[in-house]
Each structure stands twice: as structure tokens, then as C-alpha cells.
Protein backbone atom coordinates (compact mmCIF):
# COMPACT_ATOMS: atom_id res chain seq x y z
CA UNK A 1 3.97 -13.34 25.25
CA UNK A 2 1.32 -12.77 22.47
CA UNK A 3 -1.31 -15.68 22.92
CA UNK A 4 -2.12 -17.97 19.96
CA UNK A 5 -5.07 -15.92 18.92
CA UNK A 6 -3.09 -12.75 19.09
CA UNK A 7 -0.31 -14.44 16.89
CA UNK A 8 -2.92 -15.39 14.43
CA UNK A 9 -4.28 -11.99 14.10
CA UNK A 10 -0.77 -10.54 13.63
CA UNK A 11 0.45 -12.96 11.19
CA UNK A 12 -2.80 -12.48 9.16
CA UNK A 13 -2.28 -8.62 9.37
CA UNK A 14 1.17 -9.02 8.21
CA UNK A 15 -0.15 -11.26 5.24
CA UNK A 16 -2.65 -8.84 4.23
CA UNK A 17 -0.44 -5.92 4.48
CA UNK A 18 2.31 -7.48 2.69
CA UNK A 19 0.29 -8.52 -0.43
CA UNK A 20 -1.62 -5.28 -0.59
CA UNK A 21 1.63 -3.57 -0.87
CA UNK A 22 3.10 -6.00 -3.44
CA UNK A 23 0.02 -5.87 -5.62
CA UNK A 24 0.07 -2.18 -5.60
CA UNK A 25 3.65 -1.27 -5.92
CA UNK A 26 3.93 -1.83 -9.54
CA UNK A 27 1.04 0.36 -10.37
CA UNK A 28 1.92 2.74 -8.01
CA UNK A 29 5.53 3.14 -9.51
CA UNK A 30 4.02 3.44 -13.04
CA UNK A 31 1.26 6.01 -12.19
CA UNK A 32 3.96 8.15 -10.33
CA UNK A 33 6.09 8.16 -13.45
CA UNK A 34 3.24 9.24 -15.36
CA UNK A 35 2.16 12.06 -13.31
CA UNK A 36 6.12 13.08 -12.75
CA UNK A 37 7.01 12.83 -16.23
CA UNK A 38 4.16 13.07 -18.77
CA UNK A 39 1.58 15.59 -20.03
CA UNK A 40 -1.53 14.82 -21.26
CA UNK A 41 -5.23 16.26 -21.41
CA UNK A 42 -6.97 15.40 -18.25
CA UNK A 43 -3.89 15.15 -16.04
CA UNK A 44 -5.41 17.04 -13.42
CA UNK A 45 -8.46 14.64 -13.13
CA UNK A 46 -6.37 11.80 -13.25
CA UNK A 47 -4.20 13.04 -10.39
CA UNK A 48 -7.56 13.69 -8.22
CA UNK A 49 -8.67 10.27 -9.05
CA UNK A 50 -5.53 8.61 -7.88
CA UNK A 51 -5.60 10.46 -4.51
CA UNK A 52 -9.41 10.03 -4.11
CA UNK A 53 -8.97 7.40 -1.28
CA UNK A 54 -7.22 9.87 0.79
CA UNK A 55 -10.41 12.17 1.27
CA UNK A 56 -13.06 9.51 0.72
CA UNK A 57 -14.39 8.11 3.88
CA UNK A 58 -13.01 4.53 3.81
CA UNK A 59 -16.66 3.09 4.10
CA UNK A 60 -17.37 4.55 0.59
CA UNK A 61 -14.17 2.70 -0.84
CA UNK A 62 -15.29 -0.47 0.84
CA UNK A 63 -18.80 -0.15 -0.45
CA UNK A 64 -17.52 0.55 -3.97
CA UNK A 65 -15.37 -2.45 -4.10
CA UNK A 66 -18.35 -4.80 -2.70
CA UNK A 67 -20.51 -3.39 -5.52
CA UNK A 68 -17.72 -3.90 -8.21
CA UNK A 69 -16.05 -7.23 -6.84
CA UNK A 70 -19.01 -8.85 -4.87
CA UNK A 71 -20.14 -12.22 -6.31
CA UNK A 72 -22.96 -10.43 -8.03
CA UNK A 73 -20.82 -7.22 -9.04
CA UNK A 74 -20.12 -6.53 -12.58
CA UNK A 75 -16.25 -7.63 -12.09
CA UNK A 76 -16.92 -10.11 -9.35
CA UNK A 77 -19.21 -12.13 -11.68
CA UNK A 78 -16.81 -12.37 -14.25
CA UNK A 79 -14.02 -13.52 -11.75
CA UNK A 80 -16.03 -15.93 -9.67
CA UNK A 81 -16.21 -18.69 -12.45
CA UNK A 82 -12.33 -18.47 -12.49
CA UNK A 83 -12.00 -19.15 -9.03
CA UNK A 84 -11.07 -15.57 -8.01
CA UNK A 85 -13.08 -14.17 -5.11
CA UNK A 86 -12.60 -11.06 -3.15
CA UNK A 87 -15.63 -10.44 -1.13
CA UNK A 88 -15.41 -11.93 2.40
CA UNK A 89 -11.86 -13.12 1.75
CA UNK A 90 -8.30 -12.56 3.05
CA UNK A 91 -7.52 -11.25 -0.64
CA UNK A 92 -10.39 -8.79 -0.54
CA UNK A 93 -8.76 -7.29 2.73
CA UNK A 94 -5.43 -7.19 0.95
CA UNK A 95 -7.12 -5.41 -1.92
CA UNK A 96 -8.77 -2.86 0.17
CA UNK A 97 -5.63 -2.26 2.03
CA UNK A 98 -3.92 -1.89 -1.45
CA UNK A 99 -6.48 0.79 -2.58
CA UNK A 100 -6.20 2.84 0.73
CA UNK A 101 -2.51 2.73 0.53
CA UNK A 102 -2.07 3.42 -3.17
CA UNK A 103 -2.08 7.51 -3.01
CA UNK A 104 0.47 7.44 -0.25
CA UNK A 105 2.90 5.20 -2.36
CA UNK A 106 2.12 7.19 -5.42
CA UNK A 107 2.98 10.33 -3.78
CA UNK A 108 6.30 9.31 -2.19
CA UNK A 109 7.70 7.74 -5.49
CA UNK A 110 6.28 10.73 -7.54
CA UNK A 111 8.33 12.99 -5.38
CA UNK A 112 11.45 10.84 -5.61
CA UNK A 113 10.88 10.91 -9.42
CA UNK A 114 10.47 14.57 -9.62
CA UNK A 115 13.82 15.07 -7.73
CA UNK A 116 15.79 12.94 -10.40
CA UNK A 117 17.50 15.34 -12.88
CA UNK A 118 15.60 14.89 -16.16
CA UNK A 119 19.15 15.93 -17.90
CA UNK A 120 20.37 12.55 -16.78
CA UNK A 121 17.78 10.83 -18.59
CA UNK A 122 18.14 12.77 -21.67
CA UNK A 123 21.87 12.15 -21.49
CA UNK A 124 21.17 8.37 -21.41
CA UNK A 125 18.95 8.83 -24.33
CA UNK A 126 21.27 10.40 -26.42
CA UNK A 127 23.82 7.73 -25.82
CA UNK A 128 21.06 5.15 -27.46
CA UNK A 129 19.22 3.98 -24.48
CA UNK A 130 15.77 3.20 -25.01
CA UNK A 131 12.87 4.65 -22.81
CA UNK A 132 12.47 1.33 -21.06
CA UNK A 133 16.12 1.11 -20.36
CA UNK A 134 16.40 4.70 -19.09
CA UNK A 135 13.74 3.92 -16.79
CA UNK A 136 15.04 0.69 -15.17
CA UNK A 137 18.83 1.96 -15.24
CA UNK A 138 18.40 5.62 -14.38
CA UNK A 139 15.23 6.82 -13.26
CA UNK A 140 14.31 3.93 -10.89
CA UNK A 141 17.84 3.70 -9.22
CA UNK A 142 17.83 7.26 -8.32
CA UNK A 143 14.54 7.16 -7.12
CA UNK A 144 15.00 4.24 -5.14
CA UNK A 145 14.61 6.17 -1.62
CA UNK A 146 11.30 7.25 -2.56
CA UNK A 147 10.34 3.83 -3.75
CA UNK A 148 11.39 2.24 -0.54
CA UNK A 149 9.51 5.13 1.57
CA UNK A 150 6.44 4.65 -0.76
CA UNK A 151 6.48 0.96 -0.23
CA UNK A 152 6.36 0.88 3.37
CA UNK A 153 4.29 3.65 3.84
CA UNK A 154 1.75 1.65 2.03
CA UNK A 155 2.62 -1.33 4.07
CA UNK A 156 2.14 0.77 7.31
CA UNK A 157 -1.25 2.07 6.00
CA UNK A 158 -2.36 -1.35 5.22
CA UNK A 159 -1.73 -2.64 8.75
CA UNK A 160 -4.10 0.13 9.97
CA UNK A 161 -6.85 -0.23 7.44
CA UNK A 162 -10.27 -0.44 8.98
CA UNK A 163 -13.13 1.10 7.27
CA UNK A 164 -12.83 -0.10 3.66
CA UNK A 165 -11.96 -3.78 4.99
CA UNK A 166 -14.89 -4.35 7.25
CA UNK A 167 -17.31 -3.06 4.61
CA UNK A 168 -15.80 -5.14 1.69
CA UNK A 169 -14.88 -8.17 3.66
CA UNK A 170 -16.59 -8.11 7.19
CA UNK A 171 -15.00 -9.14 10.16
CA UNK A 172 -14.31 -13.04 9.88
CA UNK A 173 -12.19 -14.73 12.67
CA UNK A 174 -9.04 -16.29 10.92
CA UNK A 175 -10.03 -14.82 7.56
CA UNK A 176 -10.52 -11.02 7.47
CA UNK A 177 -10.24 -10.02 11.34
CA UNK A 178 -6.93 -8.08 11.04
CA UNK A 179 -5.52 -6.02 13.84
CA UNK A 180 -7.96 -3.04 13.51
CA UNK A 181 -10.90 -5.16 13.18
CA UNK A 182 -9.80 -7.40 16.28
CA UNK A 183 -9.17 -4.12 18.48
CA UNK A 184 -12.83 -3.01 17.37
CA UNK A 185 -14.32 -6.11 18.29
CA UNK A 186 -12.49 -6.31 21.70
CA UNK A 187 -13.62 -2.91 22.61
CA UNK A 188 -17.33 -3.77 21.72
CA UNK A 189 -16.82 -6.80 24.14
CA UNK A 190 -17.39 -6.31 28.18
CA UNK A 191 -14.29 -7.27 30.02
CA UNK A 192 -11.96 -7.37 26.89
CA UNK A 193 -10.11 -3.83 27.51
CA UNK A 194 -6.93 -5.39 28.23
CA UNK A 195 -6.68 -7.56 25.13
CA UNK A 196 -7.76 -4.33 22.90
CA UNK A 197 -4.70 -2.84 24.78
CA UNK A 198 -2.48 -5.39 24.06
CA UNK A 199 -3.44 -5.66 20.27
CA UNK A 200 -3.21 -1.64 20.01
CA UNK A 201 0.31 -1.77 21.53
CA UNK A 202 1.24 -4.62 18.92
CA UNK A 203 -0.21 -2.39 16.14
CA UNK A 204 1.78 0.78 17.11
CA UNK A 205 5.03 -1.37 17.39
CA UNK A 206 4.42 -2.91 14.10
CA UNK A 207 3.91 0.64 12.41
CA UNK A 208 6.97 2.06 13.96
CA UNK A 209 9.06 -0.82 12.94
CA UNK A 210 7.89 -0.38 9.44
CA UNK A 211 8.77 3.54 9.47
CA UNK A 212 11.82 3.09 11.18
CA UNK A 213 13.11 0.43 8.59
CA UNK A 214 12.09 2.84 5.68
CA UNK A 215 14.32 5.49 7.40
CA UNK A 216 17.11 3.16 7.96
CA UNK A 217 17.01 1.92 4.39
CA UNK A 218 16.93 5.47 2.62
CA UNK A 219 20.06 6.57 5.02
CA UNK A 220 22.06 3.59 4.13
CA UNK A 221 21.03 4.24 0.50
CA UNK A 222 22.14 7.88 0.66
CA UNK A 223 25.21 7.15 2.84
CA UNK A 224 26.41 4.77 0.05
CA UNK A 225 27.49 6.99 -2.81
CA UNK A 226 28.89 9.44 -0.26
CA UNK A 227 31.24 6.70 1.17
CA UNK A 228 32.00 5.68 -2.28
CA UNK A 229 32.98 9.51 -3.26
CA UNK A 230 35.01 9.91 -0.22
């Protein structure tokens, strides 16, 4: 059974991963739709910027967040008087996780939107539906498997985020010490190898559960229309 300390670490990690996924999902859906359906100057550059966190060292992303959203940063200085603080808070850990998982979410959702037959959207438009209604009643339901996959991939990626998190919000017990940071802490402490191993097993189990849930939901979604047609 997990100890009280391990349980606190797991619960904090789940909170950070959930809010990181929840904050970035609407933006990821909008970004994926723009990349899948729109043509505009600079689209290649925009696409590259969206996927930049995949190729940048996570420490660079964390440092950029610290510079921008630190208490004396250009954005952090504006938000601090409003009581919105990210640096060295769990909210900052969630933001770092959201940024690092964002490209994976966008990619999965974009592929799903690309697979939606554009003629169905056009048919809905010719019947009088507006752009927003077409998106919410045609495009989004048909792209639902990709939406679920993207959300859970982002969640699983957030559970494993380390570099950007420790750079942006440090490694504060009870506040920002998520599973990866706790594992790192125990590996640096003599005689704590067993603790690190226990947390590693928990981390693997949580990530596998998220991926298995994604696959289960997608299969049920695909099986639903098939059963209805039969």
C-alpha cells in the first residue's frame, strides 16, 4: 500500500496533470482545426511554433516560462497584483505540463479532423448551418476519438513532465513535487532507492491506465455506430 507521502505525491501529480490537460484542451482543439482546415500566410511557421516544445529541451521551455511569468517577468508582473501567480506554485507546474503536452494533443486532434470528410461539413453549410454549428455538430463529434486520444496523451505526458517543471516551479514538497520530481529526489538520496522504485512503478501504472482508457473509449465510440448500423 502507498504511504501517506506517496499518496500526497500521486494526488498532486494527478491534479497537475488534469488541470494541465483541461487548460490546454480548448486551445489545442482550436489550433488543430486551424491547421487542418485553414490556409493562411505563415502557416508553416505557425505549425513549427506549435510543435516546438517537442524538439526543445524541456529546461529551455521552463526557463522561458520563468522569464515571462516570474514575479518580475513581463507577464508575471502584470498578473501578480491580481493574485495570479504561477512561479513556484502547483499552478505553474500545471502550466508547464500543459505547454509540454500541447503539441501531442494538437497532433492527435488534427489527424482526427483531417480524417473528417469535408463534404459533410459543406453539406451542412448548404443546409443553412453556420460555421460554429457545423463545427460543434458535425466536425467535433466525428473527430471525437482523436479528441479523447489527444486529451489523454496530454494527461499522460503531464504525469511524466520533469525538466520544464523543475526549472519553472522548483521542487517544493507538497506544492510542486510531482512524481518525476519525487523520483529524482529519492534517487539523489542515499538509501532511498526502494522509494524511488515504488514511485516509478506507480508512475508507469498511471500512464498505462491513461493510455488504456484512451484506447477503450475510442473502441467503444467506433463500435457504437457499427452496432447501430447492424
